[in-house]
């Protein structure tokens, strides 16, 4: 039995500065043998960085967490995922789902209830939400950063396979939530057919959820937008992405 991390970001994401080397070190500590690095709207991991992982016996599943025109996020996983790389907000949710299916990509619906999830986002018609869930292979039932998916969603789309995701933006959060599988295969879908459990290596206390409420507040957003994108990222990484 080994662990797979299905939601992780690196320094190639606009909101993370985590090196591939530090991700690999965290994987070693938590017996993670497979990892989905799904940077926001890009796949820019270099061959040298891939080697850092493979040299430690860690299988990289190439992925992108796409930001659609309505700011809803969807994770696509495929060896060819870079073919779909576009600027943030390029795809409508409909277009993205069609493109992922045409590529034969595995699809994860991350943190559905959050404002950047396809259910928590009030701009998406129900018909489009249903289409996305129908196409998806997996739904995050719990996300380390954003908490549990509502039981109503889980029940409504009960035919979907469930995952838990770290949504790691820092090296110490890599492996916070992992899925336990029998072994790691070259293909992501084949690997996930052998899920036998879920493991929470870390869980948040009350202070974290207080910070999450602050982040959602209008005053916080107003003040944060006074700074440059680079400084905003530093503030988030230092105080909130934990």
C-alpha atoms as a PDB file:
ATOM      1  CA  UNK A   1       0.000   0.000   0.000  1.00  0.00           C
ATOM      2  CA  UNK A   2       1.296   3.452  -0.980  1.00  0.00           C
ATOM      3  CA  UNK A   3       0.002   7.012  -0.975  1.00  0.00           C
ATOM      4  CA  UNK A   4      -0.908   9.303  -3.844  1.00  0.00           C
ATOM      5  CA  UNK A   5      -1.216  13.080  -3.569  1.00  0.00           C
ATOM      6  CA  UNK A   6      -3.911  14.208  -6.015  1.00  0.00           C
ATOM      7  CA  UNK A   7      -3.875  18.007  -5.636  1.00  0.00           C
ATOM      8  CA  UNK A   8      -0.583  19.887  -5.369  1.00  0.00           C
ATOM      9  CA  UNK A   9       0.858  23.161  -6.664  1.00  0.00           C
ATOM     10  CA  UNK A  10       4.443  24.210  -7.311  1.00  0.00           C
ATOM     11  CA  UNK A  11       6.346  27.428  -7.971  1.00  0.00           C
ATOM     12  CA  UNK A  12       4.928  27.385 -11.493  1.00  0.00           C
ATOM     13  CA  UNK A  13       1.543  28.426 -10.032  1.00  0.00           C
ATOM     14  CA  UNK A  14       1.037  32.154  -9.590  1.00  0.00           C
ATOM     15  CA  UNK A  15       0.140  31.648  -5.916  1.00  0.00           C
ATOM     16  CA  UNK A  16       2.883  29.254  -4.803  1.00  0.00           C
ATOM     17  CA  UNK A  17       6.660  29.378  -4.490  1.00  0.00           C
ATOM     18  CA  UNK A  18       7.200  25.697  -3.632  1.00  0.00           C
ATOM     19  CA  UNK A  19      10.119  24.041  -5.434  1.00  0.00           C
ATOM     20  CA  UNK A  20       9.863  20.592  -6.968  1.00  0.00           C
ATOM     21  CA  UNK A  21      12.805  19.575  -4.779  1.00  0.00           C
ATOM     22  CA  UNK A  22      10.916  20.435  -1.592  1.00  0.00           C
ATOM     23  CA  UNK A  23       7.799  18.659  -2.897  1.00  0.00           C
ATOM     24  CA  UNK A  24       9.871  15.532  -3.507  1.00  0.00           C
ATOM     25  CA  UNK A  25      11.298  15.693   0.022  1.00  0.00           C
ATOM     26  CA  UNK A  26       7.799  15.933   1.501  1.00  0.00           C
ATOM     27  CA  UNK A  27       6.690  12.979  -0.618  1.00  0.00           C
ATOM     28  CA  UNK A  28       9.531  10.874   0.740  1.00  0.00           C
ATOM     29  CA  UNK A  29       8.531  11.649   4.324  1.00  0.00           C
ATOM     30  CA  UNK A  30       4.925  10.550   3.751  1.00  0.00           C
ATOM     31  CA  UNK A  31       5.422   7.474   1.547  1.00  0.00           C
ATOM     32  CA  UNK A  32       3.925   9.256  -1.458  1.00  0.00           C
ATOM     33  CA  UNK A  33       4.779   7.380  -4.641  1.00  0.00           C
ATOM     34  CA  UNK A  34       2.470   9.233  -7.019  1.00  0.00           C
ATOM     35  CA  UNK A  35       1.597  12.923  -7.271  1.00  0.00           C
ATOM     36  CA  UNK A  36      -0.703  15.132  -9.335  1.00  0.00           C
ATOM     37  CA  UNK A  37       0.954  18.528  -9.686  1.00  0.00           C
ATOM     38  CA  UNK A  38      -1.797  20.687 -11.161  1.00  0.00           C
ATOM     39  CA  UNK A  39      -0.455  24.222 -11.348  1.00  0.00           C
ATOM     40  CA  UNK A  40      -2.956  26.956 -12.078  1.00  0.00           C
ATOM     41  CA  UNK A  41      -3.514  27.214 -15.835  1.00  0.00           C
ATOM     42  CA  UNK A  42      -0.018  26.018 -16.769  1.00  0.00           C
ATOM     43  CA  UNK A  43       2.063  22.910 -17.072  1.00  0.00           C
ATOM     44  CA  UNK A  44       5.630  24.192 -16.950  1.00  0.00           C
ATOM     45  CA  UNK A  45       7.451  21.447 -15.034  1.00  0.00           C
ATOM     46  CA  UNK A  46      10.782  20.911 -16.782  1.00  0.00           C
ATOM     47  CA  UNK A  47      12.336  17.540 -17.687  1.00  0.00           C
ATOM     48  CA  UNK A  48      14.974  18.233 -15.038  1.00  0.00           C
ATOM     49  CA  UNK A  49      12.255  18.726 -12.433  1.00  0.00           C
ATOM     50  CA  UNK A  50      10.515  15.542 -13.563  1.00  0.00           C
ATOM     51  CA  UNK A  51      13.806  13.745 -12.977  1.00  0.00           C
ATOM     52  CA  UNK A  52      13.978  15.071  -9.423  1.00  0.00           C
ATOM     53  CA  UNK A  53      10.737  13.208  -8.729  1.00  0.00           C
ATOM     54  CA  UNK A  54      11.466  10.067 -10.728  1.00  0.00           C
ATOM     55  CA  UNK A  55      14.913   9.698  -9.139  1.00  0.00           C
ATOM     56  CA  UNK A  56      13.145   9.400  -5.787  1.00  0.00           C
ATOM     57  CA  UNK A  57      10.682   6.841  -7.105  1.00  0.00           C
ATOM     58  CA  UNK A  58       7.770   9.298  -7.365  1.00  0.00           C
ATOM     59  CA  UNK A  59       5.449   9.091 -10.376  1.00  0.00           C
ATOM     60  CA  UNK A  60       4.360  12.486 -11.707  1.00  0.00           C
ATOM     61  CA  UNK A  61       0.889  12.678 -13.218  1.00  0.00           C
ATOM     62  CA  UNK A  62       0.872  15.725 -15.481  1.00  0.00           C
ATOM     63  CA  UNK A  63      -2.058  18.028 -14.815  1.00  0.00           C
ATOM     64  CA  UNK A  64      -3.438  21.562 -14.884  1.00  0.00           C
ATOM     65  CA  UNK A  65      -5.998  23.156 -12.605  1.00  0.00           C
ATOM     66  CA  UNK A  66      -7.896  25.246 -15.120  1.00  0.00           C
ATOM     67  CA  UNK A  67      -9.597  28.536 -14.229  1.00  0.00           C
ATOM     68  CA  UNK A  68     -12.689  28.960 -16.377  1.00  0.00           C
ATOM     69  CA  UNK A  69     -14.328  32.207 -17.474  1.00  0.00           C
ATOM     70  CA  UNK A  70     -16.579  32.146 -14.403  1.00  0.00           C
ATOM     71  CA  UNK A  71     -13.577  31.479 -12.103  1.00  0.00           C
ATOM     72  CA  UNK A  72     -14.633  27.862 -11.478  1.00  0.00           C
ATOM     73  CA  UNK A  73     -11.759  25.372 -11.264  1.00  0.00           C
ATOM     74  CA  UNK A  74     -11.431  21.949 -12.858  1.00  0.00           C
ATOM     75  CA  UNK A  75      -8.401  19.617 -12.757  1.00  0.00           C
ATOM     76  CA  UNK A  76      -7.433  17.778 -15.934  1.00  0.00           C
ATOM     77  CA  UNK A  77      -4.822  14.992 -15.901  1.00  0.00           C
ATOM     78  CA  UNK A  78      -3.124  13.653 -19.016  1.00  0.00           C
ATOM     79  CA  UNK A  79       0.396  13.129 -20.399  1.00  0.00           C
ATOM     80  CA  UNK A  80      -0.722  15.565 -23.120  1.00  0.00           C
ATOM     81  CA  UNK A  81      -2.298  18.142 -20.814  1.00  0.00           C
ATOM     82  CA  UNK A  82       0.015  20.938 -21.963  1.00  0.00           C
ATOM     83  CA  UNK A  83      -1.790  20.876 -25.320  1.00  0.00           C
ATOM     84  CA  UNK A  84      -4.744  22.545 -23.571  1.00  0.00           C
ATOM     85  CA  UNK A  85      -2.692  25.197 -21.773  1.00  0.00           C
ATOM     86  CA  UNK A  86      -4.196  28.670 -22.212  1.00  0.00           C
ATOM     87  CA  UNK A  87      -4.348  31.939 -20.321  1.00  0.00           C
ATOM     88  CA  UNK A  88      -6.501  32.001 -17.222  1.00  0.00           C
ATOM     89  CA  UNK A  89     -10.225  32.503 -18.003  1.00  0.00           C
ATOM     90  CA  UNK A  90      -9.775  31.322 -21.599  1.00  0.00           C
ATOM     91  CA  UNK A  91     -12.279  28.446 -21.456  1.00  0.00           C
ATOM     92  CA  UNK A  92     -15.934  28.438 -20.604  1.00  0.00           C
ATOM     93  CA  UNK A  93     -16.750  25.456 -18.384  1.00  0.00           C
ATOM     94  CA  UNK A  94     -18.565  23.811 -21.318  1.00  0.00           C
ATOM     95  CA  UNK A  95     -15.590  24.294 -23.631  1.00  0.00           C
ATOM     96  CA  UNK A  96     -13.124  23.022 -21.060  1.00  0.00           C
ATOM     97  CA  UNK A  97     -15.079  19.843 -20.382  1.00  0.00           C
ATOM     98  CA  UNK A  98     -15.382  19.184 -24.123  1.00  0.00           C
ATOM     99  CA  UNK A  99     -11.646  19.758 -24.591  1.00  0.00           C
ATOM    100  CA  UNK A 100     -10.663  17.495 -21.697  1.00  0.00           C
ATOM    101  CA  UNK A 101     -12.908  14.721 -22.964  1.00  0.00           C
ATOM    102  CA  UNK A 102     -11.528  15.038 -26.487  1.00  0.00           C
ATOM    103  CA  UNK A 103      -8.017  14.686 -25.053  1.00  0.00           C
ATOM    104  CA  UNK A 104      -9.027  11.633 -23.027  1.00  0.00           C
ATOM    105  CA  UNK A 105      -7.984  13.339 -19.798  1.00  0.00           C
ATOM    106  CA  UNK A 106      -8.978  12.265 -16.313  1.00  0.00           C
ATOM    107  CA  UNK A 107     -11.144  14.952 -14.698  1.00  0.00           C
ATOM    108  CA  UNK A 108     -11.356  15.927 -11.036  1.00  0.00           C
ATOM    109  CA  UNK A 109     -13.932  18.367  -9.664  1.00  0.00           C
ATOM    110  CA  UNK A 110     -12.049  20.094  -6.814  1.00  0.00           C
ATOM    111  CA  UNK A 111     -13.619  21.790  -3.767  1.00  0.00           C
ATOM    112  CA  UNK A 112     -17.134  21.952  -5.314  1.00  0.00           C
ATOM    113  CA  UNK A 113     -18.673  24.150  -2.592  1.00  0.00           C
ATOM    114  CA  UNK A 114     -16.021  26.857  -2.693  1.00  0.00           C
ATOM    115  CA  UNK A 115     -16.497  30.040  -4.731  1.00  0.00           C
ATOM    116  CA  UNK A 116     -13.955  28.603  -7.184  1.00  0.00           C
ATOM    117  CA  UNK A 117     -15.799  25.280  -7.259  1.00  0.00           C
ATOM    118  CA  UNK A 118     -18.431  24.616  -9.887  1.00  0.00           C
ATOM    119  CA  UNK A 119     -21.284  24.426  -7.375  1.00  0.00           C
ATOM    120  CA  UNK A 120     -20.242  27.271  -5.084  1.00  0.00           C
ATOM    121  CA  UNK A 121     -19.914  29.537  -8.112  1.00  0.00           C
ATOM    122  CA  UNK A 122     -23.269  31.262  -8.642  1.00  0.00           C
ATOM    123  CA  UNK A 123     -22.589  32.115 -12.309  1.00  0.00           C
ATOM    124  CA  UNK A 124     -22.881  28.583 -13.684  1.00  0.00           C
ATOM    125  CA  UNK A 125     -26.219  27.200 -14.951  1.00  0.00           C
ATOM    126  CA  UNK A 126     -27.345  23.918 -13.423  1.00  0.00           C
ATOM    127  CA  UNK A 127     -27.285  22.229 -16.820  1.00  0.00           C
ATOM    128  CA  UNK A 128     -23.576  23.040 -17.162  1.00  0.00           C
ATOM    129  CA  UNK A 129     -22.867  21.876 -13.606  1.00  0.00           C
ATOM    130  CA  UNK A 130     -24.568  18.567 -14.365  1.00  0.00           C
ATOM    131  CA  UNK A 131     -22.551  18.208 -17.567  1.00  0.00           C
ATOM    132  CA  UNK A 132     -19.289  18.750 -15.693  1.00  0.00           C
ATOM    133  CA  UNK A 133     -20.160  16.210 -13.002  1.00  0.00           C
ATOM    134  CA  UNK A 134     -21.289  13.725 -15.641  1.00  0.00           C
ATOM    135  CA  UNK A 135     -17.924  14.019 -17.417  1.00  0.00           C
ATOM    136  CA  UNK A 136     -15.825  13.977 -14.250  1.00  0.00           C
ATOM    137  CA  UNK A 137     -14.114  10.828 -13.062  1.00  0.00           C
ATOM    138  CA  UNK A 138     -13.601  12.055  -9.490  1.00  0.00           C
ATOM    139  CA  UNK A 139     -14.982  14.557  -6.992  1.00  0.00           C
ATOM    140  CA  UNK A 140     -13.072  15.838  -3.979  1.00  0.00           C
ATOM    141  CA  UNK A 141     -15.109  14.848  -0.960  1.00  0.00           C
ATOM    142  CA  UNK A 142     -12.784  16.868   1.245  1.00  0.00           C
ATOM    143  CA  UNK A 143     -10.125  19.472   0.576  1.00  0.00           C
ATOM    144  CA  UNK A 144      -7.453  20.325   3.157  1.00  0.00           C
ATOM    145  CA  UNK A 145      -7.746  24.063   2.509  1.00  0.00           C
ATOM    146  CA  UNK A 146     -11.513  24.367   2.056  1.00  0.00           C
ATOM    147  CA  UNK A 147     -13.064  21.572   4.071  1.00  0.00           C
ATOM    148  CA  UNK A 148     -15.720  18.988   3.317  1.00  0.00           C
ATOM    149  CA  UNK A 149     -17.955  18.870   0.286  1.00  0.00           C
ATOM    150  CA  UNK A 150     -21.615  19.089   1.267  1.00  0.00           C
ATOM    151  CA  UNK A 151     -23.424  15.791   1.715  1.00  0.00           C
ATOM    152  CA  UNK A 152     -26.101  17.001  -0.725  1.00  0.00           C
ATOM    153  CA  UNK A 153     -23.565  17.133  -3.553  1.00  0.00           C
ATOM    154  CA  UNK A 154     -22.106  13.755  -2.647  1.00  0.00           C
ATOM    155  CA  UNK A 155     -25.598  12.229  -2.653  1.00  0.00           C
ATOM    156  CA  UNK A 156     -26.703  13.922  -5.870  1.00  0.00           C
ATOM    157  CA  UNK A 157     -23.672  12.699  -7.797  1.00  0.00           C
ATOM    158  CA  UNK A 158     -23.256   9.456  -5.881  1.00  0.00           C
ATOM    159  CA  UNK A 159     -21.980   7.550  -8.918  1.00  0.00           C
ATOM    160  CA  UNK A 160     -18.772   9.589  -8.912  1.00  0.00           C
ATOM    161  CA  UNK A 161     -15.576   8.212  -7.343  1.00  0.00           C
ATOM    162  CA  UNK A 162     -14.379  10.255  -4.367  1.00  0.00           C
ATOM    163  CA  UNK A 163     -10.951  11.637  -3.456  1.00  0.00           C
ATOM    164  CA  UNK A 164      -9.452  13.796  -0.762  1.00  0.00           C
ATOM    165  CA  UNK A 165      -6.994  16.512  -1.780  1.00  0.00           C
ATOM    166  CA  UNK A 166      -4.323  18.518  -0.001  1.00  0.00           C
ATOM    167  CA  UNK A 167      -4.486  21.474  -2.400  1.00  0.00           C
ATOM    168  CA  UNK A 168      -0.915  22.004  -1.212  1.00  0.00           C
ATOM    169  CA  UNK A 169       0.663  25.369  -1.949  1.00  0.00           C
ATOM    170  CA  UNK A 170       3.578  24.909   0.448  1.00  0.00           C
ATOM    171  CA  UNK A 171       5.895  21.940   0.935  1.00  0.00           C
ATOM    172  CA  UNK A 172       4.704  21.261   4.469  1.00  0.00           C
ATOM    173  CA  UNK A 173       1.143  20.730   3.187  1.00  0.00           C
ATOM    174  CA  UNK A 174       2.180  18.150   0.595  1.00  0.00           C
ATOM    175  CA  UNK A 175       0.573  14.922   1.752  1.00  0.00           C
ATOM    176  CA  UNK A 176      -1.720  16.578   4.278  1.00  0.00           C
ATOM    177  CA  UNK A 177      -4.516  14.540   2.677  1.00  0.00           C
ATOM    178  CA  UNK A 178      -3.576  11.453   0.664  1.00  0.00           C
ATOM    179  CA  UNK A 179      -5.400   8.613  -1.020  1.00  0.00           C
ATOM    180  CA  UNK A 180      -4.138   5.121  -0.268  1.00  0.00           C
ATOM    181  CA  UNK A 181      -3.770   2.805  -3.262  1.00  0.00           C
ATOM    182  CA  UNK A 182      -2.420  -0.697  -3.807  1.00  0.00           C
ATOM    183  CA  UNK A 183       0.232   0.485  -6.238  1.00  0.00           C
ATOM    184  CA  UNK A 184       1.127   3.245  -8.667  1.00  0.00           C
ATOM    185  CA  UNK A 185       0.673   2.533 -12.364  1.00  0.00           C
ATOM    186  CA  UNK A 186       1.654   4.653 -15.359  1.00  0.00           C
ATOM    187  CA  UNK A 187      -1.972   5.600 -15.998  1.00  0.00           C
ATOM    188  CA  UNK A 188      -3.795   7.748 -13.432  1.00  0.00           C
ATOM    189  CA  UNK A 189      -7.202   6.136 -13.888  1.00  0.00           C
ATOM    190  CA  UNK A 190      -5.728   2.665 -13.544  1.00  0.00           C
ATOM    191  CA  UNK A 191      -3.917   3.745 -10.400  1.00  0.00           C
ATOM    192  CA  UNK A 192      -7.082   5.130  -8.841  1.00  0.00           C
ATOM    193  CA  UNK A 193      -9.014   1.917  -9.482  1.00  0.00           C
ATOM    194  CA  UNK A 194      -7.068   0.486  -6.538  1.00  0.00           C
ATOM    195  CA  UNK A 195      -8.019   3.125  -3.931  1.00  0.00           C
ATOM    196  CA  UNK A 196      -8.413   1.357  -0.589  1.00  0.00           C
ATOM    197  CA  UNK A 197      -8.629   4.279   1.796  1.00  0.00           C
ATOM    198  CA  UNK A 198      -7.947   7.870   2.714  1.00  0.00           C
ATOM    199  CA  UNK A 199      -5.440   9.275   5.176  1.00  0.00           C
ATOM    200  CA  UNK A 200      -5.427  12.693   6.835  1.00  0.00           C
ATOM    201  CA  UNK A 201      -1.912  13.399   8.029  1.00  0.00           C
ATOM    202  CA  UNK A 202      -2.866  16.928   9.120  1.00  0.00           C
ATOM    203  CA  UNK A 203      -6.137  18.532  10.156  1.00  0.00           C
ATOM    204  CA  UNK A 204      -6.894  22.195  10.743  1.00  0.00           C
ATOM    205  CA  UNK A 205      -7.864  23.716  14.050  1.00  0.00           C
ATOM    206  CA  UNK A 206     -10.169  26.660  14.742  1.00  0.00           C
ATOM    207  CA  UNK A 207      -7.522  29.308  14.003  1.00  0.00           C
ATOM    208  CA  UNK A 208      -7.225  28.171  10.401  1.00  0.00           C
ATOM    209  CA  UNK A 209     -10.944  28.465   9.726  1.00  0.00           C
ATOM    210  CA  UNK A 210     -10.970  31.933  11.296  1.00  0.00           C
ATOM    211  CA  UNK A 211      -8.287  32.930   8.797  1.00  0.00           C
ATOM    212  CA  UNK A 212     -10.359  31.438   5.987  1.00  0.00           C
ATOM    213  CA  UNK A 213     -13.315  33.630   6.996  1.00  0.00           C
ATOM    214  CA  UNK A 214     -11.040  36.683   7.020  1.00  0.00           C
ATOM    215  CA  UNK A 215      -9.878  35.867   3.501  1.00  0.00           C
ATOM    216  CA  UNK A 216     -13.465  35.858   2.280  1.00  0.00           C
ATOM    217  CA  UNK A 217     -14.241  39.241   3.833  1.00  0.00           C
ATOM    218  CA  UNK A 218     -14.613  42.376   1.702  1.00  0.00           C
ATOM    219  CA  UNK A 219     -12.127  44.431   3.820  1.00  0.00           C
ATOM    220  CA  UNK A 220      -9.420  41.796   3.356  1.00  0.00           C
ATOM    221  CA  UNK A 221      -9.960  41.659  -0.405  1.00  0.00           C
ATOM    222  CA  UNK A 222      -9.972  45.463  -0.647  1.00  0.00           C
ATOM    223  CA  UNK A 223      -6.695  45.839   1.247  1.00  0.00           C
ATOM    224  CA  UNK A 224      -5.022  42.957  -0.602  1.00  0.00           C
ATOM    225  CA  UNK A 225      -5.856  44.477  -3.984  1.00  0.00           C
ATOM    226  CA  UNK A 226      -3.913  47.615  -3.040  1.00  0.00           C
ATOM    227  CA  UNK A 227      -0.687  45.630  -3.433  1.00  0.00           C
ATOM    228  CA  UNK A 228       1.092  44.241  -6.487  1.00  0.00           C
ATOM    229  CA  UNK A 229       0.377  40.642  -7.548  1.00  0.00           C
ATOM    230  CA  UNK A 230       3.829  39.555  -6.336  1.00  0.00           C
ATOM    231  CA  UNK A 231       3.344  41.127  -2.912  1.00  0.00           C
ATOM    232  CA  UNK A 232      -0.178  39.659  -2.683  1.00  0.00           C
ATOM    233  CA  UNK A 233       1.295  36.216  -3.279  1.00  0.00           C
ATOM    234  CA  UNK A 234       3.866  36.716  -0.523  1.00  0.00           C
ATOM    235  CA  UNK A 235       1.180  37.832   1.928  1.00  0.00           C
ATOM    236  CA  UNK A 236      -1.009  34.824   1.115  1.00  0.00           C
ATOM    237  CA  UNK A 237       1.868  32.359   1.342  1.00  0.00           C
ATOM    238  CA  UNK A 238       3.140  33.738   4.640  1.00  0.00           C
ATOM    239  CA  UNK A 239      -0.123  34.143   6.530  1.00  0.00           C
ATOM    240  CA  UNK A 240      -2.911  32.212   4.844  1.00  0.00           C
ATOM    241  CA  UNK A 241      -1.701  29.281   2.681  1.00  0.00           C
ATOM    242  CA  UNK A 242      -1.041  27.015   5.660  1.00  0.00           C
END
